[in-house]
Amino acid sequence: MSKKSGFLVGALVGAAAALFFAPKKGSEMRE
């Protein structure tokens, strides 16, 4: 359980960070 929960937490955090930072970096790289 601990391994699965840790993986889910890491995945959620990583996805949230990617969605939060990607638009900013993408717009900067495009322009």
N, C-alpha and C. Protein backbone atom coordinates (compact mmCIF):
# COMPACT_ATOMS: atom_id res chain seq x y z
N MET A 1 0.84 -1.21 0.00
CA MET A 1 0.00 0.00 0.00
C MET A 1 0.87 1.25 0.00
N SER A 2 1.90 1.25 0.84
CA SER A 2 2.74 2.44 0.96
C SER A 2 3.42 2.76 -0.37
N LYS A 3 3.88 1.71 -1.07
CA LYS A 3 4.55 1.95 -2.35
C LYS A 3 3.57 2.52 -3.37
N LYS A 4 2.38 1.94 -3.44
CA LYS A 4 1.38 2.41 -4.40
C LYS A 4 0.97 3.84 -4.07
N SER A 5 0.69 4.12 -2.81
CA SER A 5 0.26 5.47 -2.42
C SER A 5 1.37 6.47 -2.71
N GLY A 6 2.61 6.10 -2.43
CA GLY A 6 3.73 6.99 -2.70
C GLY A 6 3.86 7.28 -4.18
N PHE A 7 3.65 6.24 -4.99
CA PHE A 7 3.73 6.42 -6.44
C PHE A 7 2.62 7.33 -6.94
N LEU A 8 1.41 7.12 -6.40
CA LEU A 8 0.27 7.96 -6.81
C LEU A 8 0.51 9.40 -6.42
N VAL A 9 1.00 9.62 -5.21
CA VAL A 9 1.28 10.98 -4.75
C VAL A 9 2.33 11.63 -5.65
N GLY A 10 3.38 10.90 -5.96
CA GLY A 10 4.44 11.43 -6.82
C GLY A 10 3.91 11.75 -8.21
N ALA A 11 3.07 10.87 -8.72
CA ALA A 11 2.50 11.08 -10.06
C ALA A 11 1.61 12.31 -10.07
N LEU A 12 0.78 12.45 -9.03
CA LEU A 12 -0.13 13.61 -8.95
C LEU A 12 0.67 14.89 -8.83
N VAL A 13 1.69 14.88 -7.98
CA VAL A 13 2.51 16.08 -7.79
C VAL A 13 3.24 16.42 -9.10
N GLY A 14 3.78 15.41 -9.76
CA GLY A 14 4.50 15.64 -11.01
C GLY A 14 3.57 16.17 -12.09
N ALA A 15 2.37 15.59 -12.18
CA ALA A 15 1.40 16.04 -13.19
C ALA A 15 0.97 17.47 -12.90
N ALA A 16 0.71 17.76 -11.63
CA ALA A 16 0.28 19.12 -11.25
C ALA A 16 1.37 20.12 -11.58
N ALA A 17 2.62 19.77 -11.26
CA ALA A 17 3.74 20.68 -11.53
C ALA A 17 3.90 20.87 -13.04
N ALA A 18 3.76 19.80 -13.80
CA ALA A 18 3.91 19.89 -15.26
C ALA A 18 2.83 20.80 -15.84
N LEU A 19 1.58 20.61 -15.39
CA LEU A 19 0.49 21.44 -15.91
C LEU A 19 0.65 22.89 -15.48
N PHE A 20 1.23 23.09 -14.29
CA PHE A 20 1.36 24.46 -13.76
C PHE A 20 2.50 25.21 -14.44
N PHE A 21 3.60 24.49 -14.74
CA PHE A 21 4.78 25.17 -15.31
C PHE A 21 4.82 25.09 -16.83
N ALA A 22 4.25 24.05 -17.42
CA ALA A 22 4.33 23.85 -18.87
C ALA A 22 3.82 25.05 -19.67
N PRO A 23 2.62 25.57 -19.37
CA PRO A 23 2.09 26.71 -20.16
C PRO A 23 3.03 27.90 -20.16
N LYS A 24 3.63 28.22 -19.01
CA LYS A 24 4.54 29.37 -18.93
C LYS A 24 5.77 29.12 -19.78
N LYS A 25 6.41 27.96 -19.61
CA LYS A 25 7.62 27.65 -20.37
C LYS A 25 7.30 27.55 -21.86
N GLY A 26 6.17 26.95 -22.19
CA GLY A 26 5.78 26.79 -23.59
C GLY A 26 5.61 28.15 -24.26
N SER A 27 4.92 29.07 -23.59
CA SER A 27 4.69 30.39 -24.17
C SER A 27 6.01 31.14 -24.33
N GLU A 28 6.90 30.98 -23.37
CA GLU A 28 8.20 31.66 -23.45
C GLU A 28 9.03 31.10 -24.60
N MET A 29 9.03 29.78 -24.77
CA MET A 29 9.82 29.16 -25.83
C MET A 29 9.24 29.51 -27.20
N ARG A 30 7.93 29.57 -27.33
CA ARG A 30 7.30 29.90 -28.62
C ARG A 30 7.66 31.32 -29.03
N GLU A 31 7.58 32.25 -28.11
CA GLU A 31 7.87 33.64 -28.42
C GLU A 31 9.37 33.88 -28.31
